[in-house]
PDB file of N, CA and C in Angstrom:
ATOM      1  N   MET A   1      -4.149   4.671  -4.975  1.00  0.00           N
ATOM      2  CA  MET A   1      -2.883   5.042  -3.767  1.00  0.00           C
ATOM      3  C   MET A   1      -3.431   4.665  -2.927  1.00  0.00           C
ATOM      4  N   ARG A   2      -2.622   4.659  -1.637  1.00  0.00           N
ATOM      5  CA  ARG A   2      -2.973   4.381  -0.228  1.00  0.00           C
ATOM      6  C   ARG A   2      -2.681   5.452   0.565  1.00  0.00           C
ATOM      7  N   PHE A   3      -3.804   5.610   1.422  1.00  0.00           N
ATOM      8  CA  PHE A   3      -3.589   7.019   2.068  1.00  0.00           C
ATOM      9  C   PHE A   3      -3.810   6.520   3.715  1.00  0.00           C
ATOM     10  N   LEU A   4      -3.345   7.054   4.525  1.00  0.00           N
ATOM     11  CA  LEU A   4      -3.568   7.062   5.886  1.00  0.00           C
ATOM     12  C   LEU A   4      -4.508   8.318   6.446  1.00  0.00           C
ATOM     13  N   MET A   5      -5.397   8.020   7.324  1.00  0.00           N
ATOM     14  CA  MET A   5      -6.225   9.204   7.424  1.00  0.00           C
ATOM     15  C   MET A   5      -6.395   9.308   8.890  1.00  0.00           C
ATOM     16  N   ILE A   6      -5.930  10.310   9.490  1.00  0.00           N
ATOM     17  CA  ILE A   6      -5.869  10.385  11.257  1.00  0.00           C
ATOM     18  C   ILE A   6      -6.941  11.226  11.477  1.00  0.00           C
ATOM     19  N   TYR A   7      -7.954  10.916  12.411  1.00  0.00           N
ATOM     20  CA  TYR A   7      -8.996  11.745  12.773  1.00  0.00           C
ATOM     21  C   TYR A   7      -8.838  12.424  14.270  1.00  0.00           C
ATOM     22  N   ARG A   8      -8.996  13.921  14.431  1.00  0.00           N
ATOM     23  CA  ARG A   8      -8.806  14.475  15.509  1.00  0.00           C
ATOM     24  C   ARG A   8     -10.168  15.384  15.413  1.00  0.00           C
ATOM     25  N   PRO A   9     -10.811  14.822  16.575  1.00  0.00           N
ATOM     26  CA  PRO A   9     -12.049  15.791  16.852  1.00  0.00           C
ATOM     27  C   PRO A   9     -11.791  17.156  17.642  1.00  0.00           C
ATOM     28  N   ALA A  10     -12.767  17.832  17.205  1.00  0.00           N
ATOM     29  CA  ALA A  10     -12.435  19.152  17.725  1.00  0.00           C
ATOM     30  C   ALA A  10     -12.574  19.322  19.519  1.00  0.00           C
ATOM     31  N   ALA A  11     -13.443  18.415  19.780  1.00  0.00           N
ATOM     32  CA  ALA A  11     -13.573  18.394  21.605  1.00  0.00           C
ATOM     33  C   ALA A  11     -13.382  17.125  21.682  1.00  0.00           C
ATOM     34  N   PRO A  12     -13.034  16.579  23.083  1.00  0.00           N
ATOM     35  CA  PRO A  12     -13.160  15.262  23.590  1.00  0.00           C
ATOM     36  C   PRO A  12     -14.472  14.567  23.029  1.00  0.00           C
ATOM     37  N   PRO A  13     -14.429  13.397  22.414  1.00  0.00           N
ATOM     38  CA  PRO A  13     -15.544  12.758  21.995  1.00  0.00           C
ATOM     39  C   PRO A  13     -16.398  12.275  23.150  1.00  0.00           C
ATOM     40  N   ALA A  14     -17.645  12.630  22.963  1.00  0.00           N
ATOM     41  CA  ALA A  14     -18.756  11.893  23.853  1.00  0.00           C
ATOM     42  C   ALA A  14     -19.119  10.698  23.432  1.00  0.00           C
ATOM     43  N   PRO A  15     -19.741   9.576  24.307  1.00  0.00           N
ATOM     44  CA  PRO A  15     -20.139   8.578  23.370  1.00  0.00           C
ATOM     45  C   PRO A  15     -21.268   8.599  22.672  1.00  0.00           C
ATOM     46  N   PRO A  16     -21.361   7.960  21.466  1.00  0.00           N
ATOM     47  CA  PRO A  16     -22.241   8.324  20.395  1.00  0.00           C
ATOM     48  C   PRO A  16     -23.315   7.719  20.418  1.00  0.00           C
ATOM     49  N   SER A  17     -24.140   8.661  19.814  1.00  0.00           N
ATOM     50  CA  SER A  17     -25.937   8.073  19.964  1.00  0.00           C
ATOM     51  C   SER A  17     -26.000   7.043  19.134  1.00  0.00           C
ATOM     52  N   ALA A  18     -26.959   6.449  19.195  1.00  0.00           N
ATOM     53  CA  ALA A  18     -27.401   4.928  18.486  1.00  0.00           C
ATOM     54  C   ALA A  18     -27.546   5.408  16.941  1.00  0.00           C
ATOM     55  N   GLN A  19     -28.124   6.885  16.698  1.00  0.00           N
ATOM     56  CA  GLN A  19     -28.216   7.304  15.406  1.00  0.00           C
ATOM     57  C   GLN A  19     -26.940   7.568  14.788  1.00  0.00           C
ATOM     58  N   HIS A  20     -25.872   8.278  15.719  1.00  0.00           N
ATOM     59  CA  HIS A  20     -24.456   8.480  15.202  1.00  0.00           C
ATOM     60  C   HIS A  20     -23.892   7.108  14.633  1.00  0.00           C
ATOM     61  N   ARG A  21     -24.045   6.129  15.522  1.00  0.00           N
ATOM     62  CA  ARG A  21     -23.148   4.715  15.501  1.00  0.00           C
ATOM     63  C   ARG A  21     -23.938   4.361  13.998  1.00  0.00           C
ATOM     64  N   ALA A  22     -25.153   4.309  13.797  1.00  0.00           N
ATOM     65  CA  ALA A  22     -25.576   3.873  12.536  1.00  0.00           C
ATOM     66  C   ALA A  22     -25.099   4.495  11.444  1.00  0.00           C
ATOM     67  N   ASP A  23     -25.100   5.921  11.262  1.00  0.00           N
ATOM     68  CA  ASP A  23     -24.638   6.628  10.309  1.00  0.00           C
ATOM     69  C   ASP A  23     -23.389   6.488  10.011  1.00  0.00           C
ATOM     70  N   MET A  24     -22.450   6.294  11.141  1.00  0.00           N
ATOM     71  CA  MET A  24     -20.977   5.702  10.784  1.00  0.00           C
ATOM     72  C   MET A  24     -20.859   4.496  10.247  1.00  0.00           C
ATOM     73  N   GLU A  25     -21.752   3.447  10.882  1.00  0.00           N
ATOM     74  CA  GLU A  25     -21.553   2.018  10.200  1.00  0.00           C
ATOM     75  C   GLU A  25     -22.122   2.230   8.593  1.00  0.00           C
ATOM     76  N   LYS A  26     -23.157   2.613   8.464  1.00  0.00           N
ATOM     77  CA  LYS A  26     -23.562   2.973   6.884  1.00  0.00           C
ATOM     78  C   LYS A  26     -22.274   3.241   6.139  1.00  0.00           C
ATOM     79  N   PHE A  27     -21.773   4.552   6.488  1.00  0.00           N
ATOM     80  CA  PHE A  27     -20.590   4.981   5.795  1.00  0.00           C
ATOM     81  C   PHE A  27     -19.632   3.965   5.689  1.00  0.00           C
ATOM     82  N   VAL A  28     -19.229   3.296   6.725  1.00  0.00           N
ATOM     83  CA  VAL A  28     -18.129   2.529   6.471  1.00  0.00           C
ATOM     84  C   VAL A  28     -18.311   1.248   5.756  1.00  0.00           C
ATOM     85  N   ASP A  29     -19.579   0.697   5.685  1.00  0.00           N
ATOM     86  CA  ASP A  29     -20.122  -0.305   4.975  1.00  0.00           C
ATOM     87  C   ASP A  29     -19.840   0.311   3.395  1.00  0.00           C
ATOM     88  N   GLU A  30     -20.558   1.279   3.243  1.00  0.00           N
ATOM     89  CA  GLU A  30     -20.211   1.697   1.846  1.00  0.00           C
ATOM     90  C   GLU A  30     -18.928   1.797   1.335  1.00  0.00           C
ATOM     91  N   LEU A  31     -17.861   2.343   2.063  1.00  0.00           N
ATOM     92  CA  LEU A  31     -16.662   2.434   1.820  1.00  0.00           C
ATOM     93  C   LEU A  31     -15.963   0.854   1.483  1.00  0.00           C
ATOM     94  N   ALA A  32     -16.447  -0.087   2.520  1.00  0.00           N
ATOM     95  CA  ALA A  32     -15.895  -1.253   2.082  1.00  0.00           C
ATOM     96  C   ALA A  32     -16.305  -1.966   0.956  1.00  0.00           C
ATOM     97  N   LYS A  33     -17.468  -1.716   0.758  1.00  0.00           N
ATOM     98  CA  LYS A  33     -18.208  -2.310  -0.440  1.00  0.00           C
ATOM     99  C   LYS A  33     -17.571  -1.866  -1.686  1.00  0.00           C
ATOM    100  N   ALA A  34     -17.330  -0.473  -1.403  1.00  0.00           N
ATOM    101  CA  ALA A  34     -16.506  -0.232  -2.854  1.00  0.00           C
ATOM    102  C   ALA A  34     -14.910  -0.476  -2.770  1.00  0.00           C
ATOM    103  N   GLY A  35     -14.300  -1.233  -1.860  1.00  0.00           N
ATOM    104  CA  GLY A  35     -13.189  -1.314  -1.999  1.00  0.00           C
ATOM    105  C   GLY A  35     -12.159  -0.282  -1.383  1.00  0.00           C
ATOM    106  N   ALA A  36     -12.883   0.591  -0.893  1.00  0.00           N
ATOM    107  CA  ALA A  36     -11.896   1.837  -0.606  1.00  0.00           C
ATOM    108  C   ALA A  36     -11.402   1.758   0.969  1.00  0.00           C
ATOM    109  N   LEU A  37     -12.016   1.098   1.817  1.00  0.00           N
ATOM    110  CA  LEU A  37     -11.401   0.712   3.149  1.00  0.00           C
ATOM    111  C   LEU A  37     -10.568  -0.222   3.355  1.00  0.00           C
ATOM    112  N   ILE A  38      -9.370  -0.047   3.823  1.00  0.00           N
ATOM    113  CA  ILE A  38      -8.509  -1.354   3.750  1.00  0.00           C
ATOM    114  C   ILE A  38      -8.539  -1.585   5.395  1.00  0.00           C
ATOM    115  N   ALA A  39      -8.535  -0.574   6.343  1.00  0.00           N
ATOM    116  CA  ALA A  39      -8.279  -0.987   7.934  1.00  0.00           C
ATOM    117  C   ALA A  39      -9.074   0.524   8.439  1.00  0.00           C
ATOM    118  N   ARG A  40      -9.360   0.194   9.793  1.00  0.00           N
ATOM    119  CA  ARG A  40      -9.884   1.283  10.473  1.00  0.00           C
ATOM    120  C   ARG A  40      -9.778   0.861  11.797  1.00  0.00           C
ATOM    121  N   GLY A  41      -9.822   1.959  12.840  1.00  0.00           N
ATOM    122  CA  GLY A  41      -9.627   1.725  14.145  1.00  0.00           C
ATOM    123  C   GLY A  41      -9.421   2.822  15.051  1.00  0.00           C
ATOM    124  N   GLY A  42      -9.851   2.731  16.289  1.00  0.00           N
ATOM    125  CA  GLY A  42      -9.779   3.891  17.189  1.00  0.00           C
ATOM    126  C   GLY A  42      -8.515   3.733  18.150  1.00  0.00           C
ATOM    127  N   PHE A  43      -7.909   4.858  18.814  1.00  0.00           N
ATOM    128  CA  PHE A  43      -6.783   4.749  19.517  1.00  0.00           C
ATOM    129  C   PHE A  43      -7.221   4.633  20.910  1.00  0.00           C
ATOM    130  N   LEU A  44      -6.583   3.900  21.802  1.00  0.00           N
ATOM    131  CA  LEU A  44      -6.653   4.012  23.204  1.00  0.00           C
ATOM    132  C   LEU A  44      -5.972   5.407  23.482  1.00  0.00           C
ATOM    133  N   ALA A  45      -6.108   5.688  24.688  1.00  0.00           N
ATOM    134  CA  ALA A  45      -5.240   6.837  25.181  1.00  0.00           C
ATOM    135  C   ALA A  45      -3.930   6.786  25.112  1.00  0.00           C
ATOM    136  N   ALA A  46      -3.187   7.907  24.726  1.00  0.00           N
ATOM    137  CA  ALA A  46      -2.064   8.067  24.489  1.00  0.00           C
ATOM    138  C   ALA A  46      -1.046   7.491  25.556  1.00  0.00           C
ATOM    139  N   SER A  47      -1.445   7.721  26.969  1.00  0.00           N
ATOM    140  CA  SER A  47      -0.796   7.667  28.059  1.00  0.00           C
ATOM    141  C   SER A  47      -0.279   6.019  27.911  1.00  0.00           C
ATOM    142  N   SER A  48      -1.280   5.352  27.400  1.00  0.00           N
ATOM    143  CA  SER A  48      -1.037   3.900  27.664  1.00  0.00           C
ATOM    144  C   SER A  48      -0.143   3.365  26.463  1.00  0.00           C
ATOM    145  N   GLY A  49       0.413   4.253  25.733  1.00  0.00           N
ATOM    146  CA  GLY A  49       1.460   3.626  24.374  1.00  0.00           C
ATOM    147  C   GLY A  49       2.740   3.955  25.311  1.00  0.00           C
ATOM    148  N   ALA A  50       4.056   3.618  24.353  1.00  0.00           N
ATOM    149  CA  ALA A  50       5.252   4.137  24.507  1.00  0.00           C
ATOM    150  C   ALA A  50       5.897   4.671  23.179  1.00  0.00           C
ATOM    151  N   ARG A  51       6.875   5.230  23.772  1.00  0.00           N
ATOM    152  CA  ARG A  51       7.706   6.014  22.692  1.00  0.00           C
ATOM    153  C   ARG A  51       9.252   5.207  22.726  1.00  0.00           C
ATOM    154  N   VAL A  52      10.077   4.653  21.354  1.00  0.00           N
ATOM    155  CA  VAL A  52      10.932   4.339  21.461  1.00  0.00           C
ATOM    156  C   VAL A  52      11.869   5.067  20.617  1.00  0.00           C
ATOM    157  N   GLN A  53      12.907   5.480  21.065  1.00  0.00           N
ATOM    158  CA  GLN A  53      13.700   6.472  20.198  1.00  0.00           C
ATOM    159  C   GLN A  53      15.144   5.764  20.323  1.00  0.00           C
ATOM    160  N   LEU A  54      15.858   6.264  19.238  1.00  0.00           N
ATOM    161  CA  LEU A  54      17.047   5.854  19.234  1.00  0.00           C
ATOM    162  C   LEU A  54      17.983   7.154  18.636  1.00  0.00           C
ATOM    163  N   ALA A  55      19.123   7.412  19.274  1.00  0.00           N
ATOM    164  CA  ALA A  55      20.004   8.696  19.213  1.00  0.00           C
ATOM    165  C   ALA A  55      21.248   8.231  19.576  1.00  0.00           C
ATOM    166  N   ASP A  56      22.274   8.568  18.642  1.00  0.00           N
ATOM    167  CA  ASP A  56      23.751   8.401  19.092  1.00  0.00           C
ATOM    168  C   ASP A  56      23.778   6.793  19.450  1.00  0.00           C
ATOM    169  N   GLY A  57      23.255   5.900  19.086  1.00  0.00           N
ATOM    170  CA  GLY A  57      23.292   4.325  19.266  1.00  0.00           C
ATOM    171  C   GLY A  57      22.861   3.966  20.284  1.00  0.00           C
ATOM    172  N   ARG A  58      21.637   4.479  21.105  1.00  0.00           N
ATOM    173  CA  ARG A  58      21.478   4.590  22.446  1.00  0.00           C
ATOM    174  C   ARG A  58      19.758   4.386  22.122  1.00  0.00           C
ATOM    175  N   VAL A  59      19.209   3.510  22.500  1.00  0.00           N
ATOM    176  CA  VAL A  59      17.797   3.203  22.363  1.00  0.00           C
ATOM    177  C   VAL A  59      17.118   3.742  24.068  1.00  0.00           C
ATOM    178  N   THR A  60      16.089   4.467  24.002  1.00  0.00           N
ATOM    179  CA  THR A  60      15.405   4.921  25.060  1.00  0.00           C
ATOM    180  C   THR A  60      13.867   4.495  24.782  1.00  0.00           C
ATOM    181  N   VAL A  61      13.196   4.058  25.845  1.00  0.00           N
ATOM    182  CA  VAL A  61      11.846   3.979  26.034  1.00  0.00           C
ATOM    183  C   VAL A  61      11.229   4.690  26.938  1.00  0.00           C
ATOM    184  N   SER A  62      10.184   5.317  26.834  1.00  0.00           N
ATOM    185  CA  SER A  62       9.310   6.172  27.514  1.00  0.00           C
ATOM    186  C   SER A  62       8.007   5.875  27.581  1.00  0.00           C
ATOM    187  N   ASP A  63       7.223   5.866  28.300  1.00  0.00           N
ATOM    188  CA  ASP A  63       5.761   5.751  28.725  1.00  0.00           C
ATOM    189  C   ASP A  63       5.142   6.977  27.729  1.00  0.00           C
ATOM    190  N   GLY A  64       3.878   6.608  26.994  1.00  0.00           N
ATOM    191  CA  GLY A  64       2.995   7.478  26.281  1.00  0.00           C
ATOM    192  C   GLY A  64       3.551   7.920  25.159  1.00  0.00           C
ATOM    193  N   ALA A  65       2.713   8.654  24.495  1.00  0.00           N
ATOM    194  CA  ALA A  65       2.919   9.194  23.077  1.00  0.00           C
ATOM    195  C   ALA A  65       3.609  10.508  23.064  1.00  0.00           C
ATOM    196  N   ARG A  66       4.288  11.350  22.183  1.00  0.00           N
ATOM    197  CA  ARG A  66       4.500  12.603  22.568  1.00  0.00           C
ATOM    198  C   ARG A  66       3.259  13.490  22.724  1.00  0.00           C
ATOM    199  N   PRO A  67       3.367  14.533  23.491  1.00  0.00           N
ATOM    200  CA  PRO A  67       2.024  15.188  23.554  1.00  0.00           C
ATOM    201  C   PRO A  67       1.545  16.103  22.488  1.00  0.00           C
ATOM    202  N   ASP A  68       2.489  16.424  21.882  1.00  0.00           N
ATOM    203  CA  ASP A  68       2.070  17.111  20.573  1.00  0.00           C
ATOM    204  C   ASP A  68       1.736  16.390  19.220  1.00  0.00           C
ATOM    205  N   SER A  69       1.799  14.990  19.396  1.00  0.00           N
ATOM    206  CA  SER A  69       1.725  13.969  18.039  1.00  0.00           C
ATOM    207  C   SER A  69      -0.026  13.637  18.078  1.00  0.00           C
ATOM    208  N   LEU A  70      -0.099  12.556  18.701  1.00  0.00           N
ATOM    209  CA  LEU A  70      -1.313  11.782  18.603  1.00  0.00           C
ATOM    210  C   LEU A  70      -2.170  12.152  19.672  1.00  0.00           C
ATOM    211  N   GLU A  71      -1.752  12.915  20.559  1.00  0.00           N
ATOM    212  CA  GLU A  71      -2.643  13.259  21.864  1.00  0.00           C
ATOM    213  C   GLU A  71      -4.321  13.110  21.602  1.00  0.00           C
ATOM    214  N   ARG A  72      -4.644  14.018  20.733  1.00  0.00           N
ATOM    215  CA  ARG A  72      -6.049  14.493  20.356  1.00  0.00           C
ATOM    216  C   ARG A  72      -6.469  13.143  19.526  1.00  0.00           C
ATOM    217  N   ALA A  73      -5.842  12.644  18.944  1.00  0.00           N
ATOM    218  CA  ALA A  73      -6.142  11.582  17.783  1.00  0.00           C
ATOM    219  C   ALA A  73      -7.118  10.627  18.243  1.00  0.00           C
ATOM    220  N   ALA A  74      -8.264  10.603  17.525  1.00  0.00           N
ATOM    221  CA  ALA A  74      -9.181   9.377  17.847  1.00  0.00           C
ATOM    222  C   ALA A  74      -9.307   8.173  17.175  1.00  0.00           C
ATOM    223  N   GLY A  75      -8.907   8.468  16.126  1.00  0.00           N
ATOM    224  CA  GLY A  75      -8.914   7.001  15.262  1.00  0.00           C
ATOM    225  C   GLY A  75      -8.182   7.329  13.920  1.00  0.00           C
ATOM    226  N   PHE A  76      -8.027   6.176  13.239  1.00  0.00           N
ATOM    227  CA  PHE A  76      -7.303   6.041  11.603  1.00  0.00           C
ATOM    228  C   PHE A  76      -8.142   5.204  10.686  1.00  0.00           C
ATOM    229  N   ALA A  77      -8.399   5.517   9.622  1.00  0.00           N
ATOM    230  CA  ALA A  77      -8.579   4.650   8.405  1.00  0.00           C
ATOM    231  C   ALA A  77      -7.218   4.480   7.357  1.00  0.00           C
ATOM    232  N   LEU A  78      -7.178   3.500   6.958  1.00  0.00           N
ATOM    233  CA  LEU A  78      -6.277   2.995   5.862  1.00  0.00           C
ATOM    234  C   LEU A  78      -7.325   2.883   4.676  1.00  0.00           C
ATOM    235  N   VAL A  79      -7.163   3.865   3.764  1.00  0.00           N
ATOM    236  CA  VAL A  79      -7.912   3.666   2.594  1.00  0.00           C
ATOM    237  C   VAL A  79      -7.290   3.594   1.207  1.00  0.00           C
ATOM    238  N   GLN A  80      -8.025   3.292   0.032  1.00  0.00           N
ATOM    239  CA  GLN A  80      -7.799   3.244  -0.998  1.00  0.00           C
ATOM    240  C   GLN A  80      -8.409   4.148  -2.134  1.00  0.00           C
ATOM    241  N   ALA A  81      -7.594   5.311  -2.619  1.00  0.00           N
ATOM    242  CA  ALA A  81      -8.053   6.045  -3.405  1.00  0.00           C
ATOM    243  C   ALA A  81      -7.337   6.455  -4.758  1.00  0.00           C
ATOM    244  N   LYS A  82      -8.005   7.123  -5.830  1.00  0.00           N
ATOM    245  CA  LYS A  82      -7.546   6.997  -7.294  1.00  0.00           C
ATOM    246  C   LYS A  82      -6.430   8.471  -6.979  1.00  0.00           C
ATOM    247  N   SER A  83      -6.515   9.334  -6.106  1.00  0.00           N
ATOM    248  CA  SER A  83      -5.876  10.555  -5.932  1.00  0.00           C
ATOM    249  C   SER A  83      -6.087  10.893  -4.579  1.00  0.00           C
ATOM    250  N   LYS A  84      -5.081  12.343  -4.458  1.00  0.00           N
ATOM    251  CA  LYS A  84      -5.178  12.906  -3.251  1.00  0.00           C
ATOM    252  C   LYS A  84      -6.446  13.578  -3.069  1.00  0.00           C
ATOM    253  N   ASP A  85      -7.255  14.181  -4.276  1.00  0.00           N
ATOM    254  CA  ASP A  85      -8.396  14.746  -4.148  1.00  0.00           C
ATOM    255  C   ASP A  85      -9.557  13.781  -4.059  1.00  0.00           C
ATOM    256  N   ASP A  86      -9.393  12.335  -4.525  1.00  0.00           N
ATOM    257  CA  ASP A  86     -10.420  11.456  -4.066  1.00  0.00           C
ATOM    258  C   ASP A  86     -10.464  11.305  -2.488  1.00  0.00           C
ATOM    259  N   ALA A  87      -9.342  11.272  -1.981  1.00  0.00           N
ATOM    260  CA  ALA A  87      -8.735  11.071  -0.459  1.00  0.00           C
ATOM    261  C   ALA A  87      -9.636  12.084   0.243  1.00  0.00           C
ATOM    262  N   ILE A  88      -9.406  13.230  -0.308  1.00  0.00           N
ATOM    263  CA  ILE A  88      -9.809  14.627   0.281  1.00  0.00           C
ATOM    264  C   ILE A  88     -11.457  14.502   0.550  1.00  0.00           C
ATOM    265  N   ALA A  89     -12.097  14.038  -0.770  1.00  0.00           N
ATOM    266  CA  ALA A  89     -13.411  13.796  -0.823  1.00  0.00           C
ATOM    267  C   ALA A  89     -13.971  12.917   0.263  1.00  0.00           C
ATOM    268  N   LEU A  90     -13.213  11.758   0.375  1.00  0.00           N
ATOM    269  CA  LEU A  90     -13.590  10.799   1.398  1.00  0.00           C
ATOM    270  C   LEU A  90     -13.592  11.291   2.917  1.00  0.00           C
ATOM    271  N   ALA A  91     -12.367  12.218   3.039  1.00  0.00           N
ATOM    272  CA  ALA A  91     -12.344  12.806   4.284  1.00  0.00           C
ATOM    273  C   ALA A  91     -13.483  13.704   4.739  1.00  0.00           C
ATOM    274  N   GLU A  92     -13.981  14.771   3.585  1.00  0.00           N
ATOM    275  CA  GLU A  92     -15.213  15.488   3.897  1.00  0.00           C
ATOM    276  C   GLU A  92     -16.281  14.834   4.315  1.00  0.00           C
ATOM    277  N   ARG A  93     -16.471  13.589   3.468  1.00  0.00           N
ATOM    278  CA  ARG A  93     -17.713  12.615   3.770  1.00  0.00           C
ATOM    279  C   ARG A  93     -17.609  12.029   5.258  1.00  0.00           C
ATOM    280  N   PHE A  94     -16.376  11.694   5.583  1.00  0.00           N
ATOM    281  CA  PHE A  94     -16.161  11.103   6.848  1.00  0.00           C
ATOM    282  C   PHE A  94     -16.602  12.246   8.177  1.00  0.00           C
ATOM    283  N   LEU A  95     -16.024  13.451   7.915  1.00  0.00           N
ATOM    284  CA  LEU A  95     -16.116  14.468   8.812  1.00  0.00           C
ATOM    285  C   LEU A  95     -18.023  14.794   8.998  1.00  0.00           C
ATOM    286  N   GLU A  96     -18.356  14.882   7.629  1.00  0.00           N
ATOM    287  CA  GLU A  96     -20.140  15.086   7.754  1.00  0.00           C
ATOM    288  C   GLU A  96     -20.565  14.014   8.637  1.00  0.00           C
ATOM    289  N   VAL A  97     -20.125  12.897   8.845  1.00  0.00           N
ATOM    290  CA  VAL A  97     -20.865  11.769   9.639  1.00  0.00           C
ATOM    291  C   VAL A  97     -20.090  12.057  11.110  1.00  0.00           C
ATOM    292  N   ALA A  98     -18.968  12.083  11.325  1.00  0.00           N
ATOM    293  CA  ALA A  98     -18.296  12.435  12.567  1.00  0.00           C
ATOM    294  C   ALA A  98     -18.408  13.510  13.375  1.00  0.00           C
ATOM    295  N   GLY A  99     -18.496  14.430  12.416  1.00  0.00           N
ATOM    296  CA  GLY A  99     -18.531  16.084  13.231  1.00  0.00           C
ATOM    297  C   GLY A  99     -17.377  16.788  13.353  1.00  0.00           C
ATOM    298  N   ASP A 100     -17.395  17.870  13.927  1.00  0.00           N
ATOM    299  CA  ASP A 100     -16.556  18.888  13.799  1.00  0.00           C
ATOM    300  C   ASP A 100     -14.810  18.207  14.437  1.00  0.00           C
ATOM    301  N   GLY A 101     -14.093  18.431  13.433  1.00  0.00           N
ATOM    302  CA  GLY A 101     -12.552  18.225  13.661  1.00  0.00           C
ATOM    303  C   GLY A 101     -11.946  18.008  12.616  1.00  0.00           C
ATOM    304  N   GLU A 102     -10.730  17.227  12.409  1.00  0.00           N
ATOM    305  CA  GLU A 102     -10.131  17.223  11.287  1.00  0.00           C
ATOM    306  C   GLU A 102      -9.608  15.808  11.105  1.00  0.00           C
ATOM    307  N   SER A 103      -9.227  15.790   9.794  1.00  0.00           N
ATOM    308  CA  SER A 103      -8.741  14.382   9.208  1.00  0.00           C
ATOM    309  C   SER A 103      -7.630  14.719   8.256  1.00  0.00           C
ATOM    310  N   GLU A 104      -6.088  14.190   9.259  1.00  0.00           N
ATOM    311  CA  GLU A 104      -5.087  14.678   8.415  1.00  0.00           C
ATOM    312  C   GLU A 104      -4.782  13.282   7.528  1.00  0.00           C
ATOM    313  N   ILE A 105      -4.406  13.691   5.912  1.00  0.00           N
ATOM    314  CA  ILE A 105      -4.312  12.729   5.128  1.00  0.00           C
ATOM    315  C   ILE A 105      -2.811  12.699   4.577  1.00  0.00           C
ATOM    316  N   ARG A 106      -2.332  11.405   5.060  1.00  0.00           N
ATOM    317  CA  ARG A 106      -0.735  11.088   4.409  1.00  0.00           C
ATOM    318  C   ARG A 106      -0.806   9.768   3.436  1.00  0.00           C
ATOM    319  N   PRO A 107      -0.291  10.354   2.301  1.00  0.00           N
ATOM    320  CA  PRO A 107       0.009   9.366   1.611  1.00  0.00           C
ATOM    321  C   PRO A 107       0.871   8.432   1.608  1.00  0.00           C
ATOM    322  N   LEU A 108       0.721   7.192   1.152  1.00  0.00           N
ATOM    323  CA  LEU A 108       1.882   6.149   1.721  1.00  0.00           C
ATOM    324  C   LEU A 108       2.541   5.663   0.498  1.00  0.00           C
ATOM    325  N   MET A 109       3.854   5.418   0.635  1.00  0.00           N
ATOM    326  CA  MET A 109       4.608   4.728  -0.514  1.00  0.00           C
ATOM    327  C   MET A 109       4.131   3.603  -0.721  1.00  0.00           C
ATOM    328  N   GLU A 110       4.214   3.373  -2.236  1.00  0.00           N
ATOM    329  CA  GLU A 110       3.851   1.903  -2.666  1.00  0.00           C
ATOM    330  C   GLU A 110       5.065   1.299  -3.240  1.00  0.00           C
ATOM    331  N   GLY A 111       4.995  -0.007  -3.280  1.00  0.00           N
ATOM    332  CA  GLY A 111       5.883  -0.885  -3.618  1.00  0.00           C
ATOM    333  C   GLY A 111       5.944  -2.161  -3.145  1.00  0.00           C
ATOM    334  N   PRO A 112       6.901  -3.131  -3.362  1.00  0.00           N
ATOM    335  CA  PRO A 112       7.042  -4.426  -3.155  1.00  0.00           C
ATOM    336  C   PRO A 112       7.504  -4.006  -1.458  1.00  0.00           C
ATOM    337  N   PRO A 113       7.266  -5.104  -0.629  1.00  0.00           N
ATOM    338  CA  PRO A 113       7.676  -5.162   0.931  1.00  0.00           C
ATOM    339  C   PRO A 113       9.007  -5.444   0.700  1.00  0.00           C
ATOM    340  N   THR A 114       9.677  -4.762   1.859  1.00  0.00           N
ATOM    341  CA  THR A 114      11.062  -4.952   1.959  1.00  0.00           C
ATOM    342  C   THR A 114      11.353  -6.029   2.894  1.00  0.00           C
TER     343      THR A 114
END
C-alpha cells in the first residue's frame, strides 16, 4: 500500500545541524534502498501557494493555503508499506530522527490511473 506522510514539527524548524542532516540522509537512503521511499520533499511557505475552489459552478482563486490545513506542515514523504502498522513504524523512526512533531499518515487509493 502507498501512504502519504505529512510532517508537522512541534515548533518552527531551525536550520539543521550537520549531524542532523547526516542522520536524516542515512535514514532516507535506508528507505530508498529498501524500496519504501517513493518521493519526498519540503514545503515552501504556505503563503506562496494558492487555493482553487469550485462552488455552485464558480471557480475562485485565493493566495495562500488555508491557515488550518498545511500552515505548519514542513514536508512530506510518499512511502510504500505492507500495512498501516508498517507505515506507523516508519513514521515513528522518522520522528526519532526529525525530532518533536507529528506525522500524519494518509493511505492512498490503489488502482489504474484514470
